[in-house]
Structure formats: structure tokens, C-alpha cells
Amino acid sequence: MFGARRAAENYEKTSKTLHIAGVEKERYRIERISAAESLKFATVVTEMINQIKKLGPSPLNKKSQIANDVQLEPALVEET
């Protein structure tokens, strides 16, 4: 049970970070799946793929594209 509790705590911390970064809560989730539950695993993965497709491109991709579009002067590096 310790692993599941720790995973839940990490999920909560990660959720807060993703929220601050602008990632919708529909783009991530936590599931408890046993190694013996291959059918459940396949179902959860398929559901997540469909959910992400429905949501479209990540808002983080838009932010990185904006950053890439900005042309910055290369920093002057002093050789030693």
C-alpha cells in the first residue's frame, strides 16, 4: 500500500505543477492497475488516447512554438 499512497501524493504535487503550467486536468490522471489486469490497462490507455485527441494540441506546444519564434541574439561567450 505504501507505493500506492506515495504515487497518489506525487500525483497531487504533479497536478498542481501542471495546473500552474496551463495543462488541463483532462490531459492526465492516475489509475491503479495490477500487472494481472492487462485488459484494464489497454482500456485505460485507449480512453486516454481518445481523450487527448479530443482535446487537441497541448497548450504547452503553443507556448514553446512562441518561444521558438522569438529570435534572440546569441550570447557572447568569452573564450578562455
N, C-alpha and C. Protein backbone atom coordinates (compact mmCIF):
# COMPACT_ATOMS: atom_id res chain seq x y z
N MET A 1 0.82 -1.20 0.00
CA MET A 1 0.00 0.00 0.00
C MET A 1 0.86 1.26 0.00
N PHE A 2 2.09 1.15 0.49
CA PHE A 2 2.96 2.33 0.55
C PHE A 2 3.18 2.92 -0.84
N GLY A 3 3.39 2.08 -1.84
CA GLY A 3 3.63 2.56 -3.20
C GLY A 3 2.43 3.33 -3.74
N ALA A 4 1.23 2.83 -3.50
CA ALA A 4 0.02 3.50 -3.98
C ALA A 4 -0.17 4.84 -3.29
N ARG A 5 0.12 4.90 -2.00
CA ARG A 5 -0.01 6.15 -1.26
C ARG A 5 1.01 7.17 -1.77
N ARG A 6 2.22 6.70 -1.98
CA ARG A 6 3.26 7.61 -2.48
C ARG A 6 2.93 8.10 -3.89
N ALA A 7 2.41 7.21 -4.72
CA ALA A 7 2.02 7.60 -6.08
C ALA A 7 0.92 8.66 -6.04
N ALA A 8 -0.03 8.50 -5.13
CA ALA A 8 -1.11 9.48 -5.01
C ALA A 8 -0.57 10.84 -4.56
N GLU A 9 0.37 10.83 -3.63
CA GLU A 9 0.98 12.09 -3.18
C GLU A 9 1.74 12.76 -4.32
N ASN A 10 2.51 11.98 -5.06
CA ASN A 10 3.25 12.53 -6.21
C ASN A 10 2.30 13.06 -7.27
N TYR A 11 1.20 12.37 -7.47
CA TYR A 11 0.21 12.81 -8.44
C TYR A 11 -0.36 14.18 -8.05
N GLU A 12 -0.65 14.36 -6.77
CA GLU A 12 -1.18 15.63 -6.31
C GLU A 12 -0.18 16.77 -6.55
N LYS A 13 1.07 16.52 -6.23
CA LYS A 13 2.10 17.55 -6.45
C LYS A 13 2.25 17.85 -7.94
N THR A 14 2.27 16.81 -8.75
CA THR A 14 2.41 16.98 -10.19
C THR A 14 1.21 17.71 -10.77
N SER A 15 0.02 17.39 -10.27
CA SER A 15 -1.21 18.05 -10.74
C SER A 15 -1.14 19.55 -10.52
N LYS A 16 -0.64 19.95 -9.36
CA LYS A 16 -0.53 21.38 -9.07
C LYS A 16 0.44 22.06 -10.04
N THR A 17 1.56 21.40 -10.31
CA THR A 17 2.55 21.94 -11.23
C THR A 17 1.98 22.05 -12.64
N LEU A 18 1.28 21.01 -13.08
CA LEU A 18 0.69 21.02 -14.42
C LEU A 18 -0.38 22.10 -14.53
N HIS A 19 -1.14 22.29 -13.47
CA HIS A 19 -2.17 23.34 -13.48
C HIS A 19 -1.52 24.72 -13.63
N ILE A 20 -0.45 24.95 -12.89
CA ILE A 20 0.27 26.22 -12.98
C ILE A 20 0.82 26.43 -14.39
N ALA A 21 1.27 25.33 -15.02
CA ALA A 21 1.84 25.41 -16.36
C ALA A 21 0.76 25.59 -17.43
N GLY A 22 -0.51 25.41 -17.06
CA GLY A 22 -1.59 25.61 -18.02
C GLY A 22 -2.08 24.35 -18.70
N VAL A 23 -1.78 23.19 -18.12
CA VAL A 23 -2.22 21.92 -18.70
C VAL A 23 -3.57 21.55 -18.08
N GLU A 24 -4.54 21.26 -18.94
CA GLU A 24 -5.87 20.92 -18.46
C GLU A 24 -5.84 19.60 -17.70
N LYS A 25 -6.71 19.49 -16.68
CA LYS A 25 -6.74 18.27 -15.87
C LYS A 25 -7.21 17.05 -16.68
N GLU A 26 -7.85 17.27 -17.80
CA GLU A 26 -8.29 16.15 -18.63
C GLU A 26 -7.13 15.47 -19.37
N ARG A 27 -5.94 16.06 -19.34
CA ARG A 27 -4.78 15.51 -20.04
C ARG A 27 -3.98 14.52 -19.21
N TYR A 28 -4.34 14.34 -17.95
CA TYR A 28 -3.60 13.41 -17.10
C TYR A 28 -4.53 12.82 -16.04
N ARG A 29 -4.18 11.66 -15.56
CA ARG A 29 -4.93 11.02 -14.48
C ARG A 29 -4.08 9.91 -13.90
N ILE A 30 -4.53 9.40 -12.78
CA ILE A 30 -3.83 8.28 -12.15
C ILE A 30 -4.80 7.11 -12.07
N GLU A 31 -4.29 5.95 -12.33
CA GLU A 31 -5.09 4.72 -12.27
C GLU A 31 -4.29 3.67 -11.53
N ARG A 32 -4.96 2.89 -10.73
CA ARG A 32 -4.33 1.74 -10.08
C ARG A 32 -4.64 0.52 -10.92
N ILE A 33 -3.60 -0.05 -11.51
CA ILE A 33 -3.77 -1.20 -12.38
C ILE A 33 -2.74 -2.25 -12.00
N SER A 34 -3.22 -3.44 -11.73
CA SER A 34 -2.34 -4.56 -11.38
C SER A 34 -1.68 -5.10 -12.64
N ALA A 35 -0.54 -5.73 -12.48
CA ALA A 35 0.14 -6.36 -13.61
C ALA A 35 -0.74 -7.45 -14.24
N ALA A 36 -1.67 -7.98 -13.48
CA ALA A 36 -2.56 -9.02 -13.98
C ALA A 36 -3.76 -8.45 -14.74
N GLU A 37 -3.90 -7.14 -14.78
CA GLU A 37 -5.07 -6.52 -15.41
C GLU A 37 -4.73 -5.93 -16.78
N SER A 38 -4.31 -6.77 -17.68
CA SER A 38 -3.91 -6.28 -19.00
C SER A 38 -5.08 -5.66 -19.76
N LEU A 39 -6.25 -6.23 -19.64
CA LEU A 39 -7.42 -5.67 -20.33
C LEU A 39 -7.75 -4.27 -19.80
N LYS A 40 -7.68 -4.10 -18.48
CA LYS A 40 -7.94 -2.78 -17.90
C LYS A 40 -6.88 -1.78 -18.38
N PHE A 41 -5.63 -2.22 -18.42
CA PHE A 41 -4.56 -1.34 -18.89
C PHE A 41 -4.84 -0.88 -20.32
N ALA A 42 -5.17 -1.82 -21.19
CA ALA A 42 -5.46 -1.48 -22.59
C ALA A 42 -6.64 -0.52 -22.69
N THR A 43 -7.65 -0.73 -21.88
CA THR A 43 -8.83 0.14 -21.89
C THR A 43 -8.47 1.55 -21.44
N VAL A 44 -7.71 1.66 -20.37
CA VAL A 44 -7.33 2.97 -19.85
C VAL A 44 -6.46 3.72 -20.87
N VAL A 45 -5.52 3.03 -21.48
CA VAL A 45 -4.66 3.68 -22.49
C VAL A 45 -5.51 4.16 -23.67
N THR A 46 -6.41 3.33 -24.14
CA THR A 46 -7.29 3.72 -25.26
C THR A 46 -8.15 4.92 -24.89
N GLU A 47 -8.70 4.93 -23.68
CA GLU A 47 -9.50 6.07 -23.23
C GLU A 47 -8.68 7.35 -23.20
N MET A 48 -7.46 7.25 -22.70
CA MET A 48 -6.61 8.44 -22.62
C MET A 48 -6.23 8.95 -24.02
N ILE A 49 -5.93 8.04 -24.92
CA ILE A 49 -5.60 8.44 -26.30
C ILE A 49 -6.78 9.19 -26.91
N ASN A 50 -7.98 8.64 -26.76
CA ASN A 50 -9.18 9.28 -27.31
C ASN A 50 -9.43 10.64 -26.67
N GLN A 51 -9.21 10.72 -25.35
CA GLN A 51 -9.41 12.00 -24.64
C GLN A 51 -8.43 13.05 -25.13
N ILE A 52 -7.17 12.69 -25.30
CA ILE A 52 -6.16 13.64 -25.76
C ILE A 52 -6.45 14.08 -27.19
N LYS A 53 -6.86 13.14 -28.04
CA LYS A 53 -7.21 13.51 -29.42
C LYS A 53 -8.36 14.51 -29.43
N LYS A 54 -9.35 14.29 -28.55
CA LYS A 54 -10.50 15.17 -28.48
C LYS A 54 -10.08 16.58 -28.02
N LEU A 55 -9.11 16.65 -27.11
CA LEU A 55 -8.66 17.94 -26.58
C LEU A 55 -7.81 18.72 -27.59
N GLY A 56 -7.16 18.01 -28.49
CA GLY A 56 -6.33 18.69 -29.48
C GLY A 56 -4.93 18.95 -28.96
N PRO A 57 -4.19 19.80 -29.66
CA PRO A 57 -2.80 20.08 -29.29
C PRO A 57 -2.66 20.62 -27.86
N SER A 58 -1.57 20.29 -27.25
CA SER A 58 -1.28 20.74 -25.89
C SER A 58 -1.06 22.25 -25.86
N PRO A 59 -1.55 22.91 -24.81
CA PRO A 59 -1.29 24.35 -24.70
C PRO A 59 0.21 24.62 -24.52
N LEU A 60 0.94 23.65 -24.02
CA LEU A 60 2.39 23.84 -23.87
C LEU A 60 3.07 23.89 -25.22
N ASN A 61 2.57 23.18 -26.21
CA ASN A 61 3.15 23.25 -27.56
C ASN A 61 3.04 24.66 -28.11
N LYS A 62 1.93 25.32 -27.85
CA LYS A 62 1.75 26.69 -28.32
C LYS A 62 2.76 27.61 -27.67
N LYS A 63 2.98 27.44 -26.36
CA LYS A 63 3.94 28.28 -25.66
C LYS A 63 5.34 28.04 -26.17
N SER A 64 5.71 26.77 -26.42
CA SER A 64 7.06 26.52 -26.92
C SER A 64 7.22 27.03 -28.34
N GLN A 65 6.17 26.98 -29.14
CA GLN A 65 6.25 27.50 -30.50
C GLN A 65 6.50 29.00 -30.47
N ILE A 66 5.82 29.70 -29.57
CA ILE A 66 6.03 31.15 -29.44
C ILE A 66 7.48 31.42 -29.05
N ALA A 67 7.99 30.65 -28.10
CA ALA A 67 9.38 30.83 -27.66
C ALA A 67 10.35 30.56 -28.81
N ASN A 68 10.06 29.56 -29.64
CA ASN A 68 10.93 29.25 -30.76
C ASN A 68 10.88 30.31 -31.85
N ASP A 69 9.74 30.98 -31.97
CA ASP A 69 9.59 32.01 -32.99
C ASP A 69 10.34 33.29 -32.64
N VAL A 70 10.62 33.50 -31.37
CA VAL A 70 11.34 34.69 -30.95
C VAL A 70 12.82 34.52 -31.29
N GLN A 71 13.35 35.44 -32.04
CA GLN A 71 14.76 35.38 -32.43
C GLN A 71 15.57 36.16 -31.41
N LEU A 72 16.42 35.47 -30.70
CA LEU A 72 17.27 36.11 -29.69
C LEU A 72 18.69 36.21 -30.20
N GLU A 73 19.36 37.26 -29.78
CA GLU A 73 20.77 37.41 -30.12
C GLU A 73 21.56 36.31 -29.40
N PRO A 74 22.49 35.65 -30.09
CA PRO A 74 23.29 34.66 -29.39
C PRO A 74 24.14 35.34 -28.32
N ALA A 75 24.27 34.68 -27.20
CA ALA A 75 25.08 35.26 -26.11
C ALA A 75 26.54 35.29 -26.50
N LEU A 76 27.20 36.36 -26.12
CA LEU A 76 28.64 36.44 -26.39
C LEU A 76 29.34 35.60 -25.33
N VAL A 77 30.13 34.68 -25.81
CA VAL A 77 30.84 33.78 -24.90
C VAL A 77 32.31 34.14 -24.95
N GLU A 78 32.86 34.42 -23.79
CA GLU A 78 34.28 34.77 -23.72
C GLU A 78 35.10 33.48 -23.67
N GLU A 79 35.97 33.33 -24.62
CA GLU A 79 36.81 32.13 -24.65
C GLU A 79 37.95 32.30 -23.68
N THR A 80 38.29 31.22 -22.99
CA THR A 80 39.40 31.28 -22.03
C THR A 80 40.52 30.39 -22.47
